[in-house]
Amino acid sequence: DDFTNTVTLQMNSLKPEDTAVYFCAARTSGYY
């Protein structure tokens, strides 16, 4: 959502190997 700068990750068909700590990150220093 560009208005709120909110990002969502929809995770379906989860597997045991998806177990982890999930981190959100942002790039503010210029284009990739």
PDB file of all heavy atoms in Angstrom:
ATOM      1  N   ASP A   1       0.868  -1.176   0.000  1.00  0.00           N
ATOM      2  CA  ASP A   1       0.000   0.000   0.000  1.00  0.00           C
ATOM      3  C   ASP A   1       0.900   1.220   0.000  1.00  0.00           C
ATOM      4  O   ASP A   1       1.521   1.533   1.017  1.00  0.00           O
ATOM      5  CB  ASP A   1      -0.902  -0.032   1.239  1.00  0.00           C
ATOM      6  CG  ASP A   1      -1.878   1.125   1.264  1.00  0.00           C
ATOM      7  OD1 ASP A   1      -1.563   2.198   0.707  1.00  0.00           O
ATOM      8  OD2 ASP A   1      -2.953   0.967   1.854  1.00  0.00           O
ATOM      9  N   ASP A   2       0.997   1.896  -1.118  1.00  0.00           N
ATOM     10  CA  ASP A   2       1.898   3.038  -1.216  1.00  0.00           C
ATOM     11  C   ASP A   2       1.453   4.203  -0.353  1.00  0.00           C
ATOM     12  O   ASP A   2       2.267   5.038   0.035  1.00  0.00           O
ATOM     13  CB  ASP A   2       2.021   3.483  -2.670  1.00  0.00           C
ATOM     14  CG  ASP A   2       2.964   2.599  -3.454  1.00  0.00           C
ATOM     15  OD1 ASP A   2       3.894   2.033  -2.841  1.00  0.00           O
ATOM     16  OD2 ASP A   2       2.781   2.462  -4.664  1.00  0.00           O
ATOM     17  N   PHE A   3       0.173   4.278  -0.049  1.00  0.00           N
ATOM     18  CA  PHE A   3      -0.303   5.402   0.755  1.00  0.00           C
ATOM     19  C   PHE A   3       0.194   5.298   2.184  1.00  0.00           C
ATOM     20  O   PHE A   3       0.588   6.290   2.807  1.00  0.00           O
ATOM     21  CB  PHE A   3      -1.832   5.439   0.711  1.00  0.00           C
ATOM     22  CG  PHE A   3      -2.410   6.611   1.435  1.00  0.00           C
ATOM     23  CD1 PHE A   3      -2.316   7.883   0.907  1.00  0.00           C
ATOM     24  CD2 PHE A   3      -3.052   6.453   2.659  1.00  0.00           C
ATOM     25  CE1 PHE A   3      -2.839   8.969   1.576  1.00  0.00           C
ATOM     26  CE2 PHE A   3      -3.574   7.532   3.327  1.00  0.00           C
ATOM     27  CZ  PHE A   3      -3.478   8.793   2.789  1.00  0.00           C
ATOM     28  N   THR A   4       0.196   4.084   2.731  1.00  0.00           N
ATOM     29  CA  THR A   4       0.605   3.880   4.121  1.00  0.00           C
ATOM     30  C   THR A   4       1.999   3.280   4.238  1.00  0.00           C
ATOM     31  O   THR A   4       2.506   3.111   5.343  1.00  0.00           O
ATOM     32  CB  THR A   4      -0.386   2.956   4.843  1.00  0.00           C
ATOM     33  OG1 THR A   4      -0.382   1.679   4.191  1.00  0.00           O
ATOM     34  CG2 THR A   4      -1.799   3.539   4.792  1.00  0.00           C
ATOM     35  N   ASN A   5       2.615   2.948   3.102  1.00  0.00           N
ATOM     36  CA  ASN A   5       3.910   2.260   3.101  1.00  0.00           C
ATOM     37  C   ASN A   5       3.849   0.946   3.864  1.00  0.00           C
ATOM     38  O   ASN A   5       4.842   0.521   4.478  1.00  0.00           O
ATOM     39  CB  ASN A   5       5.006   3.153   3.677  1.00  0.00           C
ATOM     40  CG  ASN A   5       5.594   4.075   2.633  1.00  0.00           C
ATOM     41  OD1 ASN A   5       5.556   3.786   1.439  1.00  0.00           O
ATOM     42  ND2 ASN A   5       6.122   5.198   3.067  1.00  0.00           N
ATOM     43  N   THR A   6       2.717   0.301   3.836  1.00  0.00           N
ATOM     44  CA  THR A   6       2.553  -1.002   4.475  1.00  0.00           C
ATOM     45  C   THR A   6       2.773  -2.097   3.437  1.00  0.00           C
ATOM     46  O   THR A   6       2.283  -2.003   2.318  1.00  0.00           O
ATOM     47  CB  THR A   6       1.140  -1.133   5.067  1.00  0.00           C
ATOM     48  OG1 THR A   6       0.953  -0.126   6.063  1.00  0.00           O
ATOM     49  CG2 THR A   6       0.945  -2.502   5.683  1.00  0.00           C
ATOM     50  N   VAL A   7       3.527  -3.097   3.820  1.00  0.00           N
ATOM     51  CA  VAL A   7       3.751  -4.232   2.937  1.00  0.00           C
ATOM     52  C   VAL A   7       3.235  -5.488   3.626  1.00  0.00           C
ATOM     53  O   VAL A   7       3.389  -5.653   4.840  1.00  0.00           O
ATOM     54  CB  VAL A   7       5.237  -4.360   2.545  1.00  0.00           C
ATOM     55  CG1 VAL A   7       6.101  -4.705   3.737  1.00  0.00           C
ATOM     56  CG2 VAL A   7       5.413  -5.395   1.458  1.00  0.00           C
ATOM     57  N   THR A   8       2.600  -6.346   2.849  1.00  0.00           N
ATOM     58  CA  THR A   8       1.990  -7.565   3.367  1.00  0.00           C
ATOM     59  C   THR A   8       2.571  -8.766   2.649  1.00  0.00           C
ATOM     60  O   THR A   8       2.805  -8.710   1.436  1.00  0.00           O
ATOM     61  CB  THR A   8       0.476  -7.527   3.162  1.00  0.00           C
ATOM     62  OG1 THR A   8      -0.066  -6.405   3.874  1.00  0.00           O
ATOM     63  CG2 THR A   8      -0.181  -8.785   3.673  1.00  0.00           C
ATOM     64  N   LEU A   9       2.812  -9.825   3.384  1.00  0.00           N
ATOM     65  CA  LEU A   9       3.286 -11.076   2.804  1.00  0.00           C
ATOM     66  C   LEU A   9       2.248 -12.146   3.103  1.00  0.00           C
ATOM     67  O   LEU A   9       2.076 -12.543   4.256  1.00  0.00           O
ATOM     68  CB  LEU A   9       4.642 -11.473   3.388  1.00  0.00           C
ATOM     69  CG  LEU A   9       5.275 -12.720   2.761  1.00  0.00           C
ATOM     70  CD1 LEU A   9       5.705 -12.418   1.324  1.00  0.00           C
ATOM     71  CD2 LEU A   9       6.480 -13.174   3.578  1.00  0.00           C
ATOM     72  N   GLN A  10       1.547 -12.569   2.075  1.00  0.00           N
ATOM     73  CA  GLN A  10       0.573 -13.646   2.206  1.00  0.00           C
ATOM     74  C   GLN A  10       1.290 -14.963   1.957  1.00  0.00           C
ATOM     75  O   GLN A  10       1.849 -15.159   0.873  1.00  0.00           O
ATOM     76  CB  GLN A  10      -0.570 -13.469   1.208  1.00  0.00           C
ATOM     77  CG  GLN A  10      -1.592 -14.587   1.233  1.00  0.00           C
ATOM     78  CD  GLN A  10      -2.375 -14.639   2.526  1.00  0.00           C
ATOM     79  OE1 GLN A  10      -2.761 -13.609   3.071  1.00  0.00           O
ATOM     80  NE2 GLN A  10      -2.620 -15.844   3.023  1.00  0.00           N
ATOM     81  N   MET A  11       1.269 -15.837   2.949  1.00  0.00           N
ATOM     82  CA  MET A  11       2.002 -17.097   2.861  1.00  0.00           C
ATOM     83  C   MET A  11       1.003 -18.250   2.870  1.00  0.00           C
ATOM     84  O   MET A  11       0.287 -18.447   3.864  1.00  0.00           O
ATOM     85  CB  MET A  11       2.970 -17.230   4.040  1.00  0.00           C
ATOM     86  CG  MET A  11       3.917 -16.052   4.172  1.00  0.00           C
ATOM     87  SD  MET A  11       5.163 -16.277   5.462  1.00  0.00           S
ATOM     88  CE  MET A  11       4.129 -16.301   6.921  1.00  0.00           C
ATOM     89  N   ASN A  12       0.946 -18.954   1.771  1.00  0.00           N
ATOM     90  CA  ASN A  12       0.030 -20.091   1.641  1.00  0.00           C
ATOM     91  C   ASN A  12       0.814 -21.390   1.540  1.00  0.00           C
ATOM     92  O   ASN A  12       2.010 -21.384   1.257  1.00  0.00           O
ATOM     93  CB  ASN A  12      -0.846 -19.929   0.399  1.00  0.00           C
ATOM     94  CG  ASN A  12      -1.742 -18.712   0.469  1.00  0.00           C
ATOM     95  OD1 ASN A  12      -2.159 -18.286   1.545  1.00  0.00           O
ATOM     96  ND2 ASN A  12      -2.026 -18.122  -0.685  1.00  0.00           N
ATOM     97  N   SER A  13       0.118 -22.486   1.764  1.00  0.00           N
ATOM     98  CA  SER A  13       0.734 -23.824   1.652  1.00  0.00           C
ATOM     99  C   SER A  13       2.045 -23.887   2.420  1.00  0.00           C
ATOM    100  O   SER A  13       3.075 -24.338   1.901  1.00  0.00           O
ATOM    101  CB  SER A  13       0.966 -24.170   0.176  1.00  0.00           C
ATOM    102  OG  SER A  13      -0.253 -24.145  -0.543  1.00  0.00           O
ATOM    103  N   LEU A  14       2.014 -23.441   3.654  1.00  0.00           N
ATOM    104  CA  LEU A  14       3.234 -23.392   4.452  1.00  0.00           C
ATOM    105  C   LEU A  14       3.808 -24.780   4.704  1.00  0.00           C
ATOM    106  O   LEU A  14       3.067 -25.775   4.848  1.00  0.00           O
ATOM    107  CB  LEU A  14       2.955 -22.674   5.764  1.00  0.00           C
ATOM    108  CG  LEU A  14       2.869 -21.156   5.644  1.00  0.00           C
ATOM    109  CD1 LEU A  14       2.166 -20.547   6.844  1.00  0.00           C
ATOM    110  CD2 LEU A  14       4.252 -20.553   5.474  1.00  0.00           C
ATOM    111  N   LYS A  15       5.120 -24.818   4.753  1.00  0.00           N
ATOM    112  CA  LYS A  15       5.860 -26.064   4.974  1.00  0.00           C
ATOM    113  C   LYS A  15       6.710 -25.924   6.232  1.00  0.00           C
ATOM    114  O   LYS A  15       7.073 -24.804   6.610  1.00  0.00           O
ATOM    115  CB  LYS A  15       6.764 -26.339   3.781  1.00  0.00           C
ATOM    116  CG  LYS A  15       6.054 -26.396   2.443  1.00  0.00           C
ATOM    117  CD  LYS A  15       7.062 -26.562   1.314  1.00  0.00           C
ATOM    118  CE  LYS A  15       6.392 -26.600  -0.039  1.00  0.00           C
ATOM    119  NZ  LYS A  15       7.368 -26.747  -1.143  1.00  0.00           N
ATOM    120  N   PRO A  16       7.086 -27.025   6.845  1.00  0.00           N
ATOM    121  CA  PRO A  16       7.963 -26.930   8.024  1.00  0.00           C
ATOM    122  C   PRO A  16       9.258 -26.182   7.734  1.00  0.00           C
ATOM    123  O   PRO A  16       9.779 -25.476   8.610  1.00  0.00           O
ATOM    124  CB  PRO A  16       8.222 -28.393   8.371  1.00  0.00           C
ATOM    125  CG  PRO A  16       7.007 -29.111   7.886  1.00  0.00           C
ATOM    126  CD  PRO A  16       6.596 -28.397   6.631  1.00  0.00           C
ATOM    127  N   GLU A  17       9.765 -26.286   6.514  1.00  0.00           N
ATOM    128  CA  GLU A  17      11.006 -25.581   6.170  1.00  0.00           C
ATOM    129  C   GLU A  17      10.814 -24.075   6.047  1.00  0.00           C
ATOM    130  O   GLU A  17      11.795 -23.346   5.863  1.00  0.00           O
ATOM    131  CB  GLU A  17      11.614 -26.151   4.886  1.00  0.00           C
ATOM    132  CG  GLU A  17      10.652 -26.263   3.728  1.00  0.00           C
ATOM    133  CD  GLU A  17      10.056 -27.649   3.593  1.00  0.00           C
ATOM    134  OE1 GLU A  17       9.674 -28.249   4.639  1.00  0.00           O
ATOM    135  OE2 GLU A  17       9.967 -28.136   2.451  1.00  0.00           O
ATOM    136  N   ASP A  18       9.598 -23.596   6.131  1.00  0.00           N
ATOM    137  CA  ASP A  18       9.352 -22.149   6.172  1.00  0.00           C
ATOM    138  C   ASP A  18       9.530 -21.579   7.577  1.00  0.00           C
ATOM    139  O   ASP A  18       9.462 -20.363   7.762  1.00  0.00           O
ATOM    140  CB  ASP A  18       7.933 -21.834   5.690  1.00  0.00           C
ATOM    141  CG  ASP A  18       7.715 -22.159   4.225  1.00  0.00           C
ATOM    142  OD1 ASP A  18       8.623 -21.886   3.428  1.00  0.00           O
ATOM    143  OD2 ASP A  18       6.640 -22.689   3.896  1.00  0.00           O
ATOM    144  N   THR A  19       9.738 -22.439   8.538  1.00  0.00           N
ATOM    145  CA  THR A  19       9.929 -21.992   9.917  1.00  0.00           C
ATOM    146  C   THR A  19      11.169 -21.124  10.035  1.00  0.00           C
ATOM    147  O   THR A  19      12.258 -21.525   9.627  1.00  0.00           O
ATOM    148  CB  THR A  19      10.055 -23.210  10.852  1.00  0.00           C
ATOM    149  OG1 THR A  19       8.813 -23.924  10.853  1.00  0.00           O
ATOM    150  CG2 THR A  19      10.390 -22.769  12.271  1.00  0.00           C
ATOM    151  N   ALA A  20      10.979 -19.914  10.537  1.00  0.00           N
ATOM    152  CA  ALA A  20      12.076 -18.957  10.653  1.00  0.00           C
ATOM    153  C   ALA A  20      11.550 -17.696  11.326  1.00  0.00           C
ATOM    154  O   ALA A  20      10.346 -17.532  11.520  1.00  0.00           O
ATOM    155  CB  ALA A  20      12.634 -18.603   9.274  1.00  0.00           C
ATOM    156  N   VAL A  21      12.479 -16.812  11.634  1.00  0.00           N
ATOM    157  CA  VAL A  21      12.117 -15.444  11.995  1.00  0.00           C
ATOM    158  C   VAL A  21      12.077 -14.639  10.697  1.00  0.00           C
ATOM    159  O   VAL A  21      13.031 -14.657   9.922  1.00  0.00           O
ATOM    160  CB  VAL A  21      13.117 -14.831  12.973  1.00  0.00           C
ATOM    161  CG1 VAL A  21      12.737 -13.385  13.275  1.00  0.00           C
ATOM    162  CG2 VAL A  21      13.173 -15.647  14.258  1.00  0.00           C
ATOM    163  N   TYR A  22      10.967 -13.966  10.473  1.00  0.00           N
ATOM    164  CA  TYR A  22      10.771 -13.186   9.257  1.00  0.00           C
ATOM    165  C   TYR A  22      11.001 -11.712   9.557  1.00  0.00           C
ATOM    166  O   TYR A  22      10.419 -11.161  10.501  1.00  0.00           O
ATOM    167  CB  TYR A  22       9.369 -13.411   8.707  1.00  0.00           C
ATOM    168  CG  TYR A  22       9.227 -14.729   8.008  1.00  0.00           C
ATOM    169  CD1 TYR A  22       9.277 -15.930   8.723  1.00  0.00           C
ATOM    170  CD2 TYR A  22       9.085 -14.799   6.627  1.00  0.00           C
ATOM    171  CE1 TYR A  22       9.173 -17.157   8.081  1.00  0.00           C
ATOM    172  CE2 TYR A  22       8.973 -16.017   5.970  1.00  0.00           C
ATOM    173  CZ  TYR A  22       9.020 -17.190   6.708  1.00  0.00           C
ATOM    174  OH  TYR A  22       8.923 -18.405   6.059  1.00  0.00           O
ATOM    175  N   PHE A  23      11.840 -11.099   8.728  1.00  0.00           N
ATOM    176  CA  PHE A  23      12.208  -9.698   8.904  1.00  0.00           C
ATOM    177  C   PHE A  23      11.700  -8.873   7.733  1.00  0.00           C
ATOM    178  O   PHE A  23      11.867  -9.253   6.573  1.00  0.00           O
ATOM    179  CB  PHE A  23      13.724  -9.548   8.978  1.00  0.00           C
ATOM    180  CG  PHE A  23      14.350 -10.213  10.164  1.00  0.00           C
ATOM    181  CD1 PHE A  23      14.789 -11.532  10.084  1.00  0.00           C
ATOM    182  CD2 PHE A  23      14.524  -9.526  11.349  1.00  0.00           C
ATOM    183  CE1 PHE A  23      15.374 -12.155  11.171  1.00  0.00           C
ATOM    184  CE2 PHE A  23      15.111 -10.134  12.448  1.00  0.00           C
ATOM    185  CZ  PHE A  23      15.527 -11.455  12.359  1.00  0.00           C
ATOM    186  N   CYS A  24      11.140  -7.750   8.056  1.00  0.00           N
ATOM    187  CA  CYS A  24      10.760  -6.765   7.057  1.00  0.00           C
ATOM    188  C   CYS A  24      11.922  -5.796   6.873  1.00  0.00           C
ATOM    189  O   CYS A  24      12.635  -5.481   7.841  1.00  0.00           O
ATOM    190  CB  CYS A  24       9.513  -6.024   7.539  1.00  0.00           C
ATOM    191  SG  CYS A  24       8.937  -4.740   6.434  1.00  0.00           S
ATOM    192  N   ALA A  25      12.119  -5.319   5.640  1.00  0.00           N
ATOM    193  CA  ALA A  25      13.219  -4.411   5.359  1.00  0.00           C
ATOM    194  C   ALA A  25      12.779  -3.374   4.345  1.00  0.00           C
ATOM    195  O   ALA A  25      11.908  -3.639   3.517  1.00  0.00           O
ATOM    196  CB  ALA A  25      14.423  -5.181   4.836  1.00  0.00           C
ATOM    197  N   ALA A  26      13.422  -2.224   4.409  1.00  0.00           N
ATOM    198  CA  ALA A  26      13.108  -1.141   3.476  1.00  0.00           C
ATOM    199  C   ALA A  26      14.389  -0.560   2.914  1.00  0.00           C
ATOM    200  O   ALA A  26      15.416  -0.493   3.597  1.00  0.00           O
ATOM    201  CB  ALA A  26      12.301  -0.047   4.175  1.00  0.00           C
ATOM    202  N   ARG A  27      14.301  -0.145   1.669  1.00  0.00           N
ATOM    203  CA  ARG A  27      15.422   0.526   1.028  1.00  0.00           C
ATOM    204  C   ARG A  27      15.055   1.994   0.867  1.00  0.00           C
ATOM    205  O   ARG A  27      14.060   2.309   0.192  1.00  0.00           O
ATOM    206  CB  ARG A  27      15.743  -0.082  -0.328  1.00  0.00           C
ATOM    207  CG  ARG A  27      16.905   0.602  -1.048  1.00  0.00           C
ATOM    208  CD  ARG A  27      17.284  -0.115  -2.313  1.00  0.00           C
ATOM    209  NE  ARG A  27      18.319   0.579  -3.050  1.00  0.00           N
ATOM    210  CZ  ARG A  27      19.622   0.411  -2.841  1.00  0.00           C
ATOM    211  NH1 ARG A  27      20.035  -0.448  -1.923  1.00  0.00           N
ATOM    212  NH2 ARG A  27      20.503   1.084  -3.555  1.00  0.00           N
ATOM    213  N   THR A  28      15.834   2.840   1.496  1.00  0.00           N
ATOM    214  CA  THR A  28      15.550   4.276   1.441  1.00  0.00           C
ATOM    215  C   THR A  28      16.656   5.062   0.762  1.00  0.00           C
ATOM    216  O   THR A  28      16.552   6.281   0.613  1.00  0.00           O
ATOM    217  CB  THR A  28      15.333   4.834   2.861  1.00  0.00           C
ATOM    218  OG1 THR A  28      16.570   4.753   3.582  1.00  0.00           O
ATOM    219  CG2 THR A  28      14.261   4.063   3.615  1.00  0.00           C
ATOM    220  N   SER A  29      17.716   4.388   0.348  1.00  0.00           N
ATOM    221  CA  SER A  29      18.925   5.079  -0.098  1.00  0.00           C
ATOM    222  C   SER A  29      19.055   5.188  -1.599  1.00  0.00           C
ATOM    223  O   SER A  29      20.120   5.531  -2.089  1.00  0.00           O
ATOM    224  CB  SER A  29      20.149   4.354   0.472  1.00  0.00           C
ATOM    225  OG  SER A  29      20.132   3.003   0.085  1.00  0.00           O
ATOM    226  N   GLY A  30      17.989   4.903  -2.352  1.00  0.00           N
ATOM    227  CA  GLY A  30      18.078   5.044  -3.804  1.00  0.00           C
ATOM    228  C   GLY A  30      17.570   3.797  -4.508  1.00  0.00           C
ATOM    229  O   GLY A  30      17.195   2.806  -3.881  1.00  0.00           O
ATOM    230  N   TYR A  31      17.568   3.861  -5.839  1.00  0.00           N
ATOM    231  CA  TYR A  31      17.059   2.731  -6.612  1.00  0.00           C
ATOM    232  C   TYR A  31      17.952   1.506  -6.442  1.00  0.00           C
ATOM    233  O   TYR A  31      19.155   1.618  -6.216  1.00  0.00           O
ATOM    234  CB  TYR A  31      16.978   3.113  -8.094  1.00  0.00           C
ATOM    235  CG  TYR A  31      15.945   4.173  -8.368  1.00  0.00           C
ATOM    236  CD1 TYR A  31      16.329   5.484  -8.649  1.00  0.00           C
ATOM    237  CD2 TYR A  31      14.584   3.882  -8.330  1.00  0.00           C
ATOM    238  CE1 TYR A  31      15.380   6.465  -8.880  1.00  0.00           C
ATOM    239  CE2 TYR A  31      13.631   4.853  -8.563  1.00  0.00           C
ATOM    240  CZ  TYR A  31      14.041   6.137  -8.835  1.00  0.00           C
ATOM    241  OH  TYR A  31      13.098   7.118  -9.061  1.00  0.00           O
ATOM    242  N   TYR A  32      17.345   0.349  -6.598  1.00  0.00           N
ATOM    243  CA  TYR A  32      18.104  -0.890  -6.535  1.00  0.00           C
ATOM    244  C   TYR A  32      19.102  -0.928  -7.694  1.00  0.00           C
ATOM    245  O   TYR A  32      18.860  -0.386  -8.767  1.00  0.00           O
ATOM    246  CB  TYR A  32      17.174  -2.105  -6.648  1.00  0.00           C
ATOM    247  CG  TYR A  32      16.274  -2.321  -5.463  1.00  0.00           C
ATOM    248  CD1 TYR A  32      14.940  -1.923  -5.509  1.00  0.00           C
ATOM    249  CD2 TYR A  32      16.729  -2.944  -4.305  1.00  0.00           C
ATOM    250  CE1 TYR A  32      14.099  -2.128  -4.445  1.00  0.00           C
ATOM    251  CE2 TYR A  32      15.893  -3.154  -3.222  1.00  0.00           C
ATOM    252  CZ  TYR A  32      14.578  -2.746  -3.307  1.00  0.00           C
ATOM    253  OH  TYR A  32      13.742  -2.945  -2.241  1.00  0.00           O
TER     254      TYR A  32
END
